[in-house]
C-alpha atoms as a PDB file:
ATOM      1  CA  MET A   1       8.732  -4.336 -19.778  1.00  0.00           C
ATOM      2  CA  GLY A   2       9.586  -4.657 -23.425  1.00  0.00           C
ATOM      3  CA  SER A   3      10.468  -1.041 -23.225  1.00  0.00           C
ATOM      4  CA  GLN A   4      12.677  -0.894 -19.979  1.00  0.00           C
ATOM      5  CA  PHE A   5      14.534  -4.174 -22.017  1.00  0.00           C
ATOM      6  CA  PHE A   6      15.219  -1.740 -25.148  1.00  0.00           C
ATOM      7  CA  ALA A   7      16.594   0.655 -22.807  1.00  0.00           C
ATOM      8  CA  VAL A   8      19.124  -1.432 -21.204  1.00  0.00           C
ATOM      9  CA  VAL A   9      20.027  -2.869 -24.506  1.00  0.00           C
ATOM     10  CA  GLY A  10      20.812   1.069 -25.495  1.00  0.00           C
ATOM     11  CA  PHE A  11      22.668   1.052 -22.892  1.00  0.00           C
ATOM     12  CA  LEU A  12      24.574  -1.468 -23.159  1.00  0.00           C
ATOM     13  CA  ILE A  13      25.259  -0.690 -26.999  1.00  0.00           C
ATOM     14  CA  LEU A  14      26.111   3.528 -26.036  1.00  0.00           C
ATOM     15  CA  PRO A  15      28.171   3.138 -23.115  1.00  0.00           C
ATOM     16  CA  SER A  16      27.730   7.085 -22.780  1.00  0.00           C
ATOM     17  CA  LEU A  17      24.290   6.808 -22.403  1.00  0.00           C
ATOM     18  CA  ALA A  18      25.083   4.782 -19.798  1.00  0.00           C
ATOM     19  CA  TRP A  19      26.531   7.586 -17.769  1.00  0.00           C
ATOM     20  CA  GLY A  20      24.706   8.368 -14.297  1.00  0.00           C
ATOM     21  CA  GLY A  21      23.211   7.306 -10.660  1.00  0.00           C
ATOM     22  CA  PHE A  22      22.131   3.568  -9.817  1.00  0.00           C
ATOM     23  CA  ALA A  23      20.536   3.061  -6.414  1.00  0.00           C
ATOM     24  CA  THR A  24      18.616   0.254  -4.482  1.00  0.00           C
ATOM     25  CA  GLN A  25      15.886   0.565  -2.083  1.00  0.00           C
ATOM     26  CA  PHE A  26      14.401  -1.494   0.795  1.00  0.00           C
ATOM     27  CA  SER A  27      11.215  -1.379   1.892  1.00  0.00           C
ATOM     28  CA  LEU A  28       8.757  -3.526   4.811  1.00  0.00           C
ATOM     29  CA  THR A  29       5.374  -3.256   4.884  1.00  0.00           C
ATOM     30  CA  MET A  30       3.075  -4.718   7.651  1.00  0.00           C
ATOM     31  CA  GLY A  31      -0.073  -5.356   8.184  1.00  0.00           C
ATOM     32  CA  GLU A  32      -3.007  -7.262  10.849  1.00  0.00           C
ATOM     33  CA  GLY A  33      -6.223  -8.102  10.008  1.00  0.00           C
ATOM     34  CA  TYR A  34      -8.984 -10.119  10.831  1.00  0.00           C
ATOM     35  CA  SER A  35     -11.725 -12.023   9.293  1.00  0.00           C
ATOM     36  CA  ASP A  36     -14.450 -13.662  10.470  1.00  0.00           C
ATOM     37  CA  ASN A  37     -15.050 -16.342   7.458  1.00  0.00           C
ATOM     38  CA  ILE A  38     -12.006 -16.866   6.427  1.00  0.00           C
ATOM     39  CA  PHE A  39     -12.999 -19.536   4.100  1.00  0.00           C
ATOM     40  CA  PHE A  40     -15.966 -17.467   2.488  1.00  0.00           C
ATOM     41  CA  SER A  41     -18.775 -20.761   3.527  1.00  0.00           C
ATOM     42  CA  LYS A  42     -21.712 -21.113   5.599  1.00  0.00           C
ATOM     43  CA  ASP A  43     -19.559 -23.041   8.534  1.00  0.00           C
ATOM     44  CA  LYS A  44     -17.696 -19.672   9.160  1.00  0.00           C
ATOM     45  CA  GLU A  45     -14.127 -19.837  11.313  1.00  0.00           C
ATOM     46  CA  HIS A  46     -12.411 -17.007  12.073  1.00  0.00           C
ATOM     47  CA  ASP A  47      -8.572 -15.704  12.491  1.00  0.00           C
ATOM     48  CA  PHE A  48      -6.390 -12.931  12.350  1.00  0.00           C
ATOM     49  CA  VAL A  49      -3.433 -12.574   9.403  1.00  0.00           C
ATOM     50  CA  THR A  50      -0.545 -11.211   9.474  1.00  0.00           C
ATOM     51  CA  ILE A  51       0.672  -9.615   6.082  1.00  0.00           C
ATOM     52  CA  ILE A  52       4.359  -8.890   5.386  1.00  0.00           C
ATOM     53  CA  ILE A  53       5.424  -7.499   2.012  1.00  0.00           C
ATOM     54  CA  PRO A  54       9.352  -6.852   1.454  1.00  0.00           C
ATOM     55  CA  MET A  55       9.999  -4.907  -1.828  1.00  0.00           C
ATOM     56  CA  VAL A  56      13.468  -4.310  -3.243  1.00  0.00           C
ATOM     57  CA  SER A  57      13.950  -1.108  -5.569  1.00  0.00           C
ATOM     58  CA  PHE A  58      16.179  -0.982  -8.331  1.00  0.00           C
ATOM     59  CA  LEU A  59      16.834   2.602  -9.401  1.00  0.00           C
ATOM     60  CA  TYR A  60      18.456   4.223 -12.240  1.00  0.00           C
ATOM     61  CA  ALA A  61      18.820   8.365 -12.773  1.00  0.00           C
ATOM     62  CA  PRO A  62      20.605   9.365 -15.914  1.00  0.00           C
ATOM     63  CA  ASP A  63      23.268  11.585 -15.478  1.00  0.00           C
ATOM     64  CA  GLY A  64      21.654  15.320 -14.749  1.00  0.00           C
ATOM     65  CA  GLN A  65      18.628  13.937 -13.605  1.00  0.00           C
ATOM     66  CA  VAL A  66      17.054  13.746  -9.507  1.00  0.00           C
ATOM     67  CA  ALA A  67      14.010  11.900 -10.848  1.00  0.00           C
ATOM     68  CA  PRO A  68      15.132   7.962 -11.482  1.00  0.00           C
ATOM     69  CA  ALA A  69      14.365   7.408 -15.258  1.00  0.00           C
ATOM     70  CA  LEU A  70      14.211   3.691 -14.990  1.00  0.00           C
ATOM     71  CA  SER A  71      12.875   1.332 -11.782  1.00  0.00           C
ATOM     72  CA  LEU A  72      12.121  -1.873 -11.187  1.00  0.00           C
ATOM     73  CA  SER A  73      10.820  -3.345  -8.204  1.00  0.00           C
ATOM     74  CA  PHE A  74      10.277  -6.963  -7.243  1.00  0.00           C
ATOM     75  CA  SER A  75       7.852  -7.971  -3.563  1.00  0.00           C
ATOM     76  CA  PRO A  76       7.231 -11.413  -2.984  1.00  0.00           C
ATOM     77  CA  ASN A  77       4.125 -11.380  -0.683  1.00  0.00           C
ATOM     78  CA  GLY A  78       3.415 -13.521   2.868  1.00  0.00           C
ATOM     79  CA  GLN A  79       0.385 -14.155   5.302  1.00  0.00           C
ATOM     80  CA  VAL A  80       0.948 -16.005   8.535  1.00  0.00           C
ATOM     81  CA  PHE A  81      -2.497 -17.090   9.676  1.00  0.00           C
ATOM     82  CA  ALA A  82      -2.690 -17.196  13.968  1.00  0.00           C
ATOM     83  CA  ARG A  83      -5.187 -20.113  14.456  1.00  0.00           C
ATOM     84  CA  ASN A  84      -4.606 -22.011  10.879  1.00  0.00           C
ATOM     85  CA  SER A  85      -0.898 -21.784  10.656  1.00  0.00           C
ATOM     86  CA  GLN A  86      -1.360 -24.402   7.788  1.00  0.00           C
ATOM     87  CA  LEU A  87      -2.742 -21.826   5.843  1.00  0.00           C
ATOM     88  CA  SER A  88       0.490 -19.354   5.910  1.00  0.00           C
ATOM     89  CA  ASN A  89       2.091 -19.131   2.857  1.00  0.00           C
ATOM     90  CA  PHE A  90       5.246 -16.534   2.026  1.00  0.00           C
ATOM     91  CA  GLY A  91       6.460 -16.441  -1.901  1.00  0.00           C
ATOM     92  CA  GLU A  92       3.156 -17.604  -3.587  1.00  0.00           C
ATOM     93  CA  ASN A  93       2.067 -14.207  -4.862  1.00  0.00           C
ATOM     94  CA  LEU A  94       4.864 -12.119  -6.228  1.00  0.00           C
ATOM     95  CA  VAL A  95       4.622  -8.878  -7.814  1.00  0.00           C
ATOM     96  CA  LEU A  96       7.458  -7.257 -10.528  1.00  0.00           C
ATOM     97  CA  ASN A  97       7.023  -3.968 -11.011  1.00  0.00           C
ATOM     98  CA  GLY A  98       8.914  -1.636 -14.625  1.00  0.00           C
ATOM     99  CA  ALA A  99       8.846   1.828 -15.507  1.00  0.00           C
ATOM    100  CA  TYR A 100      11.034   3.985 -17.533  1.00  0.00           C
ATOM    101  CA  SER A 101      10.665   7.402 -18.697  1.00  0.00           C
ATOM    102  CA  TYR A 102      12.177   9.789 -21.241  1.00  0.00           C
ATOM    103  CA  GLN A 103      12.677  13.277 -21.381  1.00  0.00           C
ATOM    104  CA  TYR A 104      12.776  13.821 -25.626  1.00  0.00           C
ATOM    105  CA  SER A 105      12.381  17.745 -25.068  1.00  0.00           C
ATOM    106  CA  PRO A 106      11.083  20.039 -22.625  1.00  0.00           C
ATOM    107  CA  ARG A 107       7.514  19.979 -23.690  1.00  0.00           C
ATOM    108  CA  LEU A 108       7.483  16.304 -24.809  1.00  0.00           C
ATOM    109  CA  SER A 109       8.496  13.176 -22.515  1.00  0.00           C
ATOM    110  CA  PHE A 110       7.449   9.275 -22.919  1.00  0.00           C
ATOM    111  CA  TYR A 111       6.035   7.085 -20.054  1.00  0.00           C
ATOM    112  CA  SER A 112       6.228   3.624 -19.927  1.00  0.00           C
ATOM    113  CA  SER A 113       5.187   0.652 -17.023  1.00  0.00           C
ATOM    114  CA  ASN A 114       4.904  -2.664 -16.773  1.00  0.00           C
ATOM    115  CA  ASN A 115       3.348  -5.163 -13.757  1.00  0.00           C
ATOM    116  CA  LEU A 116       3.848  -8.908 -13.688  1.00  0.00           C
ATOM    117  CA  GLN A 117       2.206 -10.500 -10.878  1.00  0.00           C
ATOM    118  CA  ARG A 118       1.849 -14.583 -10.391  1.00  0.00           C
ATOM    119  CA  VAL A 119      -0.731 -15.143  -7.264  1.00  0.00           C
ATOM    120  CA  TRP A 120      -1.625 -18.818  -6.501  1.00  0.00           C
END
């Protein structure tokens, strides 16, 4: 994450590097699952679980490049239980991903990525 911070600071200090394209992207992933033992105990209890994962991504590509050099994505995860609604949650599991790539020359490029996840 530190390299992404320095890249943003570099763009602010040297504005000529900041010319390029910015984009945002939204995606939604949903899935359905079944568990015959949701509490992982001897007294088995079954339930259907709907998993919802919205994700927002911010992308930056320098002038003249098609592929994004800087990408940041944020996604809170949610679960909806059919029979045990008290277990339903949203936003308790958060994921933040960041990546930065820099092409120094045609034969040498640098890539840095970071993943931050909060799970309750």
